C-alpha cells in the first residue's frame, strides 16, 4: 500500500515532468510536511533549515540538521535522509 505522502510526491513528479521541471527544492515546513510527513521543530528562521529535494524518476531526499535526522527517519516515509 502506497502512503498518501508517496502519492503526493508521485503527482508532483508527474506535474513536474509535464512542465519540464527537473528538480524541486522545497524549504517551506508546510510543504515538507505535506509531501514527506516530516516537520522539524526549528527551521529556516532559526538557521536550521530542512530541505526536501524532489526529482522525477528519483527517490526524494531530505536534508535536515544532524540533531533531527533520527526523528526524521522515524516520521517520514523517505529513506534518503542526509544530515548536515
Protein backbone atom coordinates (compact mmCIF):
# COMPACT_ATOMS: atom_id res chain seq x y z
CA UNK A 1 0.00 0.00 0.00
CA UNK A 2 1.46 3.33 -1.07
CA UNK A 3 1.38 6.11 1.52
CA UNK A 4 -0.58 9.31 0.84
CA UNK A 5 2.73 11.18 1.02
CA UNK A 6 4.25 9.00 -1.70
CA UNK A 7 1.13 9.52 -3.81
CA UNK A 8 1.52 13.29 -3.42
CA UNK A 9 5.18 13.13 -4.45
CA UNK A 10 4.22 10.97 -7.43
CA UNK A 11 1.60 13.53 -8.51
CA UNK A 12 4.14 16.33 -8.06
CA UNK A 13 6.68 14.45 -10.17
CA UNK A 14 4.08 13.94 -12.90
CA UNK A 15 3.28 17.65 -12.95
CA UNK A 16 6.99 18.49 -12.95
CA UNK A 17 7.63 16.17 -15.90
CA UNK A 18 4.72 17.69 -17.82
CA UNK A 19 6.13 21.16 -17.17
CA UNK A 20 9.70 20.02 -17.97
CA UNK A 21 10.95 20.89 -14.49
CA UNK A 22 14.00 18.85 -13.48
CA UNK A 23 14.10 19.40 -9.74
CA UNK A 24 12.02 20.92 -6.93
CA UNK A 25 13.75 22.21 -3.81
CA UNK A 26 11.18 22.64 -1.06
CA UNK A 27 12.03 24.58 2.09
CA UNK A 28 8.67 25.63 3.49
CA UNK A 29 7.82 23.49 6.55
CA UNK A 30 4.21 23.01 5.43
CA UNK A 31 5.32 21.74 2.01
CA UNK A 32 7.80 19.34 3.59
CA UNK A 33 5.14 18.06 5.99
CA UNK A 34 2.65 17.66 3.11
CA UNK A 35 4.99 15.67 0.86
CA UNK A 36 7.29 13.93 3.36
CA UNK A 37 5.22 13.60 6.53
CA UNK A 38 8.02 15.24 8.49
CA UNK A 39 8.26 18.53 10.31
CA UNK A 40 11.17 19.76 12.33
CA UNK A 41 10.91 21.87 15.43
CA UNK A 42 13.22 24.64 14.42
CA UNK A 43 13.59 25.83 10.91
CA UNK A 44 14.77 28.39 8.44
CA UNK A 45 14.04 31.28 10.80
CA UNK A 46 16.37 29.73 13.39
CA UNK A 47 19.11 28.96 10.87
CA UNK A 48 18.30 25.23 10.93
CA UNK A 49 16.62 24.59 7.58
CA UNK A 50 15.26 21.29 6.40
CA UNK A 51 15.14 20.82 2.64
CA UNK A 52 13.19 18.32 0.54
CA UNK A 53 14.60 17.64 -2.93
CA UNK A 54 12.27 16.02 -5.46
CA UNK A 55 13.36 14.87 -8.92
CA UNK A 56 11.09 12.95 -11.29
CA UNK A 57 12.43 9.43 -11.72
CA UNK A 58 14.44 9.54 -8.48
CA UNK A 59 13.67 8.96 -4.84
CA UNK A 60 13.17 12.16 -2.82
CA UNK A 61 15.88 13.34 -0.44
CA UNK A 62 15.51 15.14 2.88
CA UNK A 63 18.39 17.28 4.08
CA UNK A 64 17.95 18.02 7.78
CA UNK A 65 20.08 19.03 10.78
CA UNK A 66 22.04 16.16 12.31
CA UNK A 67 20.23 16.51 15.65
CA UNK A 68 16.92 15.82 13.93
CA UNK A 69 17.95 13.09 11.48
CA UNK A 70 16.82 10.22 13.71
CA UNK A 71 13.43 11.87 14.32
CA UNK A 72 13.12 12.48 10.58
CA UNK A 73 13.78 8.79 9.83
CA UNK A 74 11.06 7.72 12.23
CA UNK A 75 8.47 10.23 10.98
CA UNK A 76 8.94 10.16 7.21
CA UNK A 77 8.49 7.51 4.56
CA UNK A 78 11.52 8.90 2.71
CA UNK A 79 14.61 6.73 3.11
CA UNK A 80 17.26 9.08 1.70
CA UNK A 81 17.92 11.36 4.67
CA UNK A 82 21.08 13.42 4.59
CA UNK A 83 22.05 15.10 7.85
CA UNK A 84 24.09 18.26 7.85
